Amino acid sequence: MDFMDSETQPPDDSPHLETSFNAPPPLAPECKSFKWKIQVIDSEGSVEGKMVTSKDVWKLQSSKVIVHFDENSSQPIGDSGGLLGSWLGQLSNDVNLLPINYSDWRMVNIHTKRKAWDVIQSKFWFDDPTMRKGYVMSALGSRCKDVKLRLWKEHKRNDQLQTLQNRPNNVPEEQWEHFVHMRFTEKWKTIRTGKTPCRAEFFIETRTKPDGSFVCEEAKTRAEALTTLLNQNSHGTSNVAATLDDEFAQVFGPERPGRVRCVGRGPTPSKLVRRCTATRQEVDNSEMVVALQTQVKELSNQVKGMSTFIQQIIGTSTGEQARAWAASFAVAFANIPNPPFANIPTPSNPNQEMQ
């Protein structure tokens, strides 16, 4: 069974694509009653302030929620941004619109993404749809990933057969079969060992089908180049997913401003440089700390030995000799703050022995 087929073929003209989307999907968690203070705009351009819940957005037919964006970060802000995120979380549960049988959001069929974008624009108004589409669709992809993780956590059983039989309600049987088959492959298991894969490893894994072939000829060519570089370079366990001069960058070229490929929506090239620098500093600092701890331990052992030796000498001396020894050591160590034997008592009675 090839779970990648659905990612490369245009979808059929199914009836569900004509849904009015006037209610949350059946799989979506129950909508919260929290109300957001937003503005809506109708078909004639009239703007009105409202207090709405995420469930209310589904009922909008002749008006849309205006989404405000921060000019510096280009991310949605305020109540409108929160409402958009909450609503996208509900939309991501529509497995008819957004099937779960895909390996990577970036490889989801363009027809599917186009329909999802149309649905989003039917409920939300953007000042510049072309500019805002990238962020919104990326956020939707993250929500869809969360849905797949939740379904897997709730419905996975001891083996593949039991998991197939434990199909959640409202998930089509074919989708569930593909999804479960993908999760039980050895490849999927090996990439979840706790070690963060580098970008080259991530690209190869997500472009390889269960039978070992690649999704397209270009992916095969790139993967072969990446594999060659990975074999040439030794990789430790630094758990760093990306650097600006790693194997991925050598094959695909430098990063463009504002994003870093294969590491999600957050990191940017400048942040990656700072993170890599911080990682190297952490390693250097760690080595320095270990060296200092070793030196401190050695000095402590030496001081303890000297303290024991001094106490033995004073303890076997007469009163006058003990006072003389103590005075000599007091002068010798006068400039040492809090020496470990500073509190050695000096006998006041010449005939008293040190204890």
Protein backbone atom coordinates (compact mmCIF):
# COMPACT_ATOMS: atom_id res chain seq x y z
CA MET A 1 0.00 0.00 0.00
CA ASP A 2 1.47 3.32 -1.05
CA PHE A 3 0.29 6.12 1.21
CA MET A 4 1.95 8.73 -1.00
CA ASP A 5 -0.35 8.20 -4.00
CA SER A 6 -2.95 10.61 -2.66
CA GLU A 7 -0.35 13.36 -2.46
CA THR A 8 0.55 13.28 -6.13
CA GLN A 9 -2.86 12.83 -7.75
CA PRO A 10 -5.52 15.55 -8.13
CA PRO A 11 -8.60 14.84 -5.98
CA ASP A 12 -11.84 13.62 -7.45
CA ASP A 13 -14.74 16.06 -7.66
CA SER A 14 -16.28 14.73 -4.47
CA PRO A 15 -19.56 16.07 -3.02
CA HIS A 16 -17.84 17.13 0.21
CA LEU A 17 -16.05 19.91 -1.66
CA GLU A 18 -19.38 21.66 -2.03
CA THR A 19 -20.02 21.75 1.72
CA SER A 20 -21.24 25.09 3.06
CA PHE A 21 -18.91 24.86 6.09
CA ASN A 22 -21.51 26.31 8.45
CA ALA A 23 -20.59 24.12 11.45
CA PRO A 24 -17.40 22.70 13.01
CA PRO A 25 -16.26 19.28 11.71
CA PRO A 26 -17.53 16.24 13.66
CA LEU A 27 -13.99 15.32 14.78
CA ALA A 28 -13.25 18.79 16.18
CA PRO A 29 -13.21 19.16 19.98
CA GLU A 30 -16.16 21.03 21.42
CA CYS A 31 -15.92 24.75 20.72
CA LYS A 32 -15.19 26.91 23.75
CA SER A 33 -17.60 29.70 24.66
CA PHE A 34 -14.82 32.30 24.92
CA LYS A 35 -15.73 35.45 22.99
CA TRP A 36 -13.29 37.46 20.90
CA LYS A 37 -13.66 41.19 20.30
CA ILE A 38 -13.26 41.61 16.55
CA GLN A 39 -14.48 43.50 13.52
CA VAL A 40 -16.46 42.04 10.64
CA ILE A 41 -16.85 43.42 7.14
CA ASP A 42 -19.85 42.71 4.91
CA SER A 43 -20.06 42.40 1.13
CA GLU A 44 -20.69 46.14 0.81
CA GLY A 45 -17.59 47.09 2.80
CA SER A 46 -19.36 48.12 6.00
CA VAL A 47 -17.33 47.37 9.15
CA GLU A 48 -18.95 46.46 12.47
CA GLY A 49 -17.51 45.54 15.86
CA LYS A 50 -18.70 42.28 17.39
CA MET A 51 -18.08 39.78 20.19
CA VAL A 52 -18.03 36.29 18.69
CA THR A 53 -16.93 32.76 19.55
CA SER A 54 -15.04 30.52 17.16
CA LYS A 55 -18.26 28.59 16.61
CA ASP A 56 -20.01 31.79 15.49
CA VAL A 57 -17.50 32.15 12.64
CA TRP A 58 -18.85 29.00 10.98
CA LYS A 59 -22.27 30.65 10.73
CA LEU A 60 -20.99 33.74 8.90
CA GLN A 61 -22.39 33.87 5.37
CA SER A 62 -22.43 37.48 4.16
CA SER A 63 -19.61 38.92 6.30
CA LYS A 64 -16.02 38.07 7.24
CA VAL A 65 -13.77 38.55 10.25
CA ILE A 66 -11.09 41.19 9.66
CA VAL A 67 -7.67 39.81 10.63
CA HIS A 68 -5.05 42.33 11.77
CA PHE A 69 -1.33 41.66 11.25
CA ASP A 70 1.78 43.05 12.90
CA GLU A 71 3.80 44.98 10.33
CA ASN A 72 7.16 43.84 11.72
CA SER A 73 6.56 40.14 12.28
CA SER A 74 3.81 39.74 9.65
CA GLN A 75 1.89 37.57 12.12
CA PRO A 76 -1.78 37.96 13.16
CA ILE A 77 -2.26 39.94 16.34
CA GLY A 78 -4.96 40.81 18.85
CA ASP A 79 -8.27 39.05 19.24
CA SER A 80 -8.61 38.59 15.49
CA GLY A 81 -5.34 36.64 15.42
CA GLY A 82 -6.40 34.49 18.35
CA LEU A 83 -9.78 33.81 16.76
CA LEU A 84 -8.13 32.84 13.46
CA GLY A 85 -5.83 30.38 15.21
CA SER A 86 -8.69 28.84 17.18
CA TRP A 87 -10.84 28.46 14.08
CA LEU A 88 -8.00 26.93 12.05
CA GLY A 89 -7.65 24.35 14.78
CA GLN A 90 -11.27 23.36 14.20
CA LEU A 91 -10.97 23.36 10.41
CA SER A 92 -7.93 21.06 10.60
CA ASN A 93 -10.25 18.33 11.96
CA ASP A 94 -12.20 18.19 8.70
CA VAL A 95 -10.70 14.96 7.31
CA ASN A 96 -12.87 15.21 4.20
CA LEU A 97 -11.35 18.54 3.27
CA LEU A 98 -7.91 17.79 4.76
CA PRO A 99 -7.19 14.03 4.68
CA ILE A 100 -4.77 12.58 7.25
CA ASN A 101 -3.02 10.12 4.90
CA TYR A 102 -0.02 12.26 3.93
CA SER A 103 3.56 12.20 5.16
CA ASP A 104 4.42 15.90 5.01
CA TRP A 105 2.23 19.02 4.77
CA ARG A 106 4.42 20.53 2.07
CA MET A 107 3.61 17.57 -0.16
CA VAL A 108 -0.17 17.78 0.25
CA ASN A 109 -1.89 18.14 -3.11
CA ILE A 110 -2.13 21.73 -4.34
CA HIS A 111 -5.83 21.23 -5.13
CA THR A 112 -6.51 20.35 -1.49
CA LYS A 113 -4.65 23.40 -0.21
CA ARG A 114 -6.39 25.66 -2.71
CA LYS A 115 -9.80 24.49 -1.54
CA ALA A 116 -8.80 24.96 2.11
CA TRP A 117 -7.61 28.50 1.36
CA ASP A 118 -10.93 29.26 -0.34
CA VAL A 119 -12.79 28.08 2.75
CA ILE A 120 -10.61 30.25 5.01
CA GLN A 121 -11.18 33.31 2.82
CA SER A 122 -14.93 32.73 2.97
CA LYS A 123 -14.77 33.39 6.72
CA PHE A 124 -11.83 35.81 7.14
CA TRP A 125 -10.81 39.04 5.44
CA PHE A 126 -7.11 39.79 4.79
CA ASP A 127 -5.67 43.13 3.75
CA ASP A 128 -3.32 41.40 1.31
CA PRO A 129 -4.40 37.77 0.69
CA THR A 130 -1.35 36.95 -1.43
CA MET A 131 1.03 38.13 1.29
CA ARG A 132 -0.90 36.54 4.18
CA LYS A 133 -1.55 33.19 2.52
CA GLY A 134 1.89 31.76 3.33
CA TYR A 135 1.60 32.25 7.07
CA VAL A 136 -2.04 31.18 7.32
CA MET A 137 -1.55 27.96 5.34
CA SER A 138 1.59 27.13 7.29
CA ALA A 139 -0.36 27.60 10.53
CA LEU A 140 -3.09 25.32 9.16
CA GLY A 141 -0.45 22.71 8.39
CA SER A 142 0.73 22.80 12.00
CA ARG A 143 -2.83 22.34 13.23
CA CYS A 144 -3.31 19.37 10.89
CA LYS A 145 -0.16 17.79 12.30
CA ASP A 146 -1.60 18.20 15.79
CA VAL A 147 -4.78 16.40 14.68
CA LYS A 148 -2.79 13.42 13.39
CA LEU A 149 -0.78 13.23 16.60
CA ARG A 150 -3.96 13.32 18.68
CA LEU A 151 -5.64 10.59 16.64
CA TRP A 152 -2.56 8.42 16.88
CA LYS A 153 -2.23 8.91 20.62
CA GLU A 154 -5.89 8.10 21.25
CA HIS A 155 -6.36 5.20 18.83
CA LYS A 156 -3.00 3.42 18.54
CA ARG A 157 -3.00 -0.12 19.89
CA ASN A 158 -0.38 -2.84 20.39
CA ASP A 159 -0.03 -3.83 16.74
CA GLN A 160 -1.05 -2.72 13.28
CA LEU A 161 -4.11 -4.97 13.01
CA GLN A 162 -5.56 -3.81 16.34
CA THR A 163 -4.95 -0.19 15.39
CA LEU A 164 -6.66 -0.66 12.03
CA GLN A 165 -9.68 -2.10 13.80
CA ASN A 166 -9.73 0.84 16.22
CA ARG A 167 -10.56 3.35 13.51
CA PRO A 168 -12.01 6.59 14.94
CA ASN A 169 -15.50 7.59 13.99
CA ASN A 170 -15.84 9.92 10.99
CA VAL A 171 -12.40 8.99 9.59
CA PRO A 172 -12.82 7.25 6.21
CA GLU A 173 -11.55 3.67 6.18
CA GLU A 174 -9.12 4.21 3.30
CA GLN A 175 -7.55 7.22 5.00
CA TRP A 176 -7.12 5.32 8.26
CA GLU A 177 -5.53 2.34 6.50
CA HIS A 178 -2.98 4.55 4.78
CA PHE A 179 -2.31 6.51 7.97
CA VAL A 180 -1.79 3.41 10.13
CA HIS A 181 0.35 1.69 7.48
CA MET A 182 2.64 4.72 7.36
CA ARG A 183 3.00 4.88 11.14
CA PHE A 184 3.89 1.21 11.47
CA THR A 185 6.64 1.21 8.85
CA GLU A 186 10.19 0.65 10.08
CA LYS A 187 11.23 3.95 8.54
CA TRP A 188 8.76 5.88 10.68
CA LYS A 189 9.92 4.07 13.82
CA THR A 190 13.59 4.75 13.18
CA ILE A 191 13.12 8.50 12.76
CA ARG A 192 11.50 8.71 16.23
CA THR A 193 14.45 7.58 18.34
CA GLY A 194 14.73 10.81 20.30
CA LYS A 195 17.54 12.31 18.21
CA THR A 196 16.69 15.42 16.24
CA PRO A 197 17.34 14.63 12.55
CA CYS A 198 19.36 17.13 10.56
CA ARG A 199 17.77 18.78 7.54
CA ALA A 200 19.38 16.37 5.08
CA GLU A 201 18.06 13.34 7.01
CA PHE A 202 14.62 14.92 7.29
CA PHE A 203 14.44 15.58 3.54
CA ILE A 204 15.45 12.04 2.64
CA GLU A 205 12.99 10.44 5.07
CA THR A 206 10.01 12.53 4.00
CA ARG A 207 10.64 12.00 0.27
CA THR A 208 11.04 8.23 0.44
CA LYS A 209 8.11 5.86 -0.10
CA PRO A 210 7.64 2.69 1.98
CA ASP A 211 9.03 0.57 -0.88
CA GLY A 212 12.29 2.57 -0.91
CA SER A 213 11.56 4.59 -4.06
CA PHE A 214 11.27 8.37 -4.16
CA VAL A 215 8.26 10.59 -4.80
CA CYS A 216 9.82 12.06 -7.93
CA GLU A 217 13.06 12.01 -9.92
CA GLU A 218 14.23 15.37 -8.58
CA ALA A 219 13.79 14.19 -4.99
CA LYS A 220 15.86 11.11 -5.81
CA THR A 221 18.68 13.22 -7.28
CA ARG A 222 18.72 15.55 -4.28
CA ALA A 223 18.57 12.66 -1.81
CA GLU A 224 21.52 10.92 -3.47
CA ALA A 225 23.58 14.10 -3.23
CA LEU A 226 22.64 14.55 0.42
CA THR A 227 23.45 10.93 1.22
CA THR A 228 26.90 11.32 -0.32
CA LEU A 229 27.63 14.37 1.83
CA LEU A 230 26.27 12.69 4.97
CA ASN A 231 28.57 9.73 4.40
CA GLN A 232 31.55 12.03 3.93
CA ASN A 233 30.91 14.09 7.05
CA SER A 234 30.95 12.69 10.55
CA HIS A 235 27.90 13.59 12.64
CA GLY A 236 27.98 13.68 16.40
CA THR A 237 25.06 13.83 18.79
CA SER A 238 24.78 17.60 19.04
CA ASN A 239 21.04 17.37 18.28
CA VAL A 240 21.28 20.53 16.12
CA ALA A 241 18.76 20.31 13.27
CA ALA A 242 20.31 22.91 10.96
CA THR A 243 23.25 25.19 10.31
CA LEU A 244 23.79 27.62 7.45
CA ASP A 245 26.62 25.51 6.02
CA ASP A 246 25.20 22.01 6.53
CA GLU A 247 24.68 19.34 3.86
CA PHE A 248 21.22 20.65 3.02
CA ALA A 249 22.57 24.14 2.32
CA GLN A 250 25.35 22.69 0.15
CA VAL A 251 22.81 20.90 -2.05
CA PHE A 252 19.92 23.39 -2.09
CA GLY A 253 21.83 26.66 -1.74
CA PRO A 254 21.73 29.43 0.90
CA GLU A 255 18.60 30.41 2.81
CA ARG A 256 16.42 33.32 1.80
CA PRO A 257 15.69 36.09 4.32
CA GLY A 258 12.90 35.36 6.78
CA ARG A 259 12.86 31.57 6.83
CA VAL A 260 14.94 28.43 7.14
CA ARG A 261 13.82 25.39 5.17
CA CYS A 262 12.92 22.13 6.93
CA VAL A 263 12.88 23.54 10.48
CA GLY A 264 9.36 24.96 10.77
CA ARG A 265 7.95 28.48 10.68
CA GLY A 266 9.80 30.07 13.60
CA PRO A 267 13.56 30.11 12.84
CA THR A 268 15.13 32.67 10.51
CA PRO A 269 18.71 32.71 9.16
CA SER A 270 19.77 35.36 11.70
CA LYS A 271 18.23 33.39 14.59
CA LEU A 272 19.91 30.22 13.33
CA VAL A 273 23.31 31.94 13.34
CA ARG A 274 22.72 33.09 16.93
CA ARG A 275 21.55 29.63 17.97
CA CYS A 276 24.57 27.90 16.41
CA THR A 277 26.87 30.43 18.09
CA ALA A 278 25.10 29.85 21.39
CA THR A 279 25.45 26.09 20.95
CA ARG A 280 29.19 26.36 20.39
CA GLN A 281 29.48 28.65 23.41
CA GLU A 282 27.52 26.15 25.49
CA VAL A 283 29.97 23.42 24.51
CA ASP A 284 32.98 25.63 25.24
CA ASN A 285 31.51 26.76 28.56
CA SER A 286 30.72 23.18 29.49
CA GLU A 287 34.30 22.09 28.83
CA MET A 288 35.62 25.05 30.81
CA VAL A 289 33.37 24.23 33.76
CA VAL A 290 34.59 20.63 33.80
CA ALA A 291 38.22 21.78 33.74
CA LEU A 292 37.65 24.27 36.56
CA GLN A 293 35.82 21.68 38.64
CA THR A 294 38.75 19.29 38.22
CA GLN A 295 41.23 21.97 39.30
CA VAL A 296 39.12 22.94 42.31
CA LYS A 297 38.86 19.31 43.38
CA GLU A 298 42.63 18.83 43.14
CA LEU A 299 43.31 22.02 45.13
CA SER A 300 40.72 21.03 47.72
CA ASN A 301 42.41 17.67 48.20
CA GLN A 302 45.78 19.37 48.61
CA VAL A 303 44.42 21.83 51.17
CA LYS A 304 42.74 19.04 53.13
CA GLY A 305 46.02 17.16 53.22
CA MET A 306 47.88 20.22 54.48
CA SER A 307 45.23 20.88 57.11
CA THR A 308 45.44 17.32 58.41
CA PHE A 309 49.25 17.49 58.47
CA ILE A 310 49.23 20.79 60.38
CA GLN A 311 46.77 19.51 62.95
CA GLN A 312 48.90 16.42 63.49
CA ILE A 313 52.05 18.52 64.05
CA ILE A 314 50.32 20.91 66.46
CA GLY A 315 48.57 18.05 68.25
CA THR A 316 51.89 16.34 69.07
CA SER A 317 53.66 19.51 70.14
CA THR A 318 53.94 21.16 73.55
CA GLY A 319 51.90 24.25 74.30
CA GLU A 320 54.72 26.66 73.44
CA GLN A 321 55.53 24.78 70.23
CA ALA A 322 51.84 24.69 69.22
CA ARG A 323 51.48 28.43 69.69
CA ALA A 324 54.62 29.00 67.66
CA TRP A 325 53.40 26.75 64.84
CA ALA A 326 49.97 28.43 64.81
CA ALA A 327 51.52 31.90 64.70
CA SER A 328 53.77 30.91 61.80
CA PHE A 329 50.90 29.51 59.75
CA ALA A 330 48.73 32.54 60.57
CA VAL A 331 51.38 34.83 59.06
CA ALA A 332 51.90 32.57 56.04
CA PHE A 333 48.21 32.40 55.20
CA ALA A 334 47.16 35.88 56.29
CA ASN A 335 46.25 36.89 52.70
CA ILE A 336 44.18 33.77 51.96
CA PRO A 337 40.43 34.43 52.48
CA ASN A 338 38.81 31.82 54.74
CA PRO A 339 41.59 29.19 54.72
CA PRO A 340 40.23 25.76 55.65
CA PHE A 341 42.37 25.53 58.83
CA ALA A 342 41.77 29.11 60.02
CA ASN A 343 39.82 27.89 63.03
CA ILE A 344 42.50 25.55 64.43
CA PRO A 345 42.55 26.31 68.17
CA THR A 346 45.72 27.47 69.90
CA PRO A 347 46.22 25.99 73.36
CA SER A 348 46.15 28.56 76.16
CA ASN A 349 47.61 26.20 78.73
CA PRO A 350 51.21 25.24 77.99
CA ASN A 351 50.56 21.79 79.36
CA GLN A 352 47.32 21.27 77.31
CA GLU A 353 47.54 19.02 74.27
CA MET A 354 45.68 19.79 71.06
CA GLN A 355 42.60 17.60 70.54
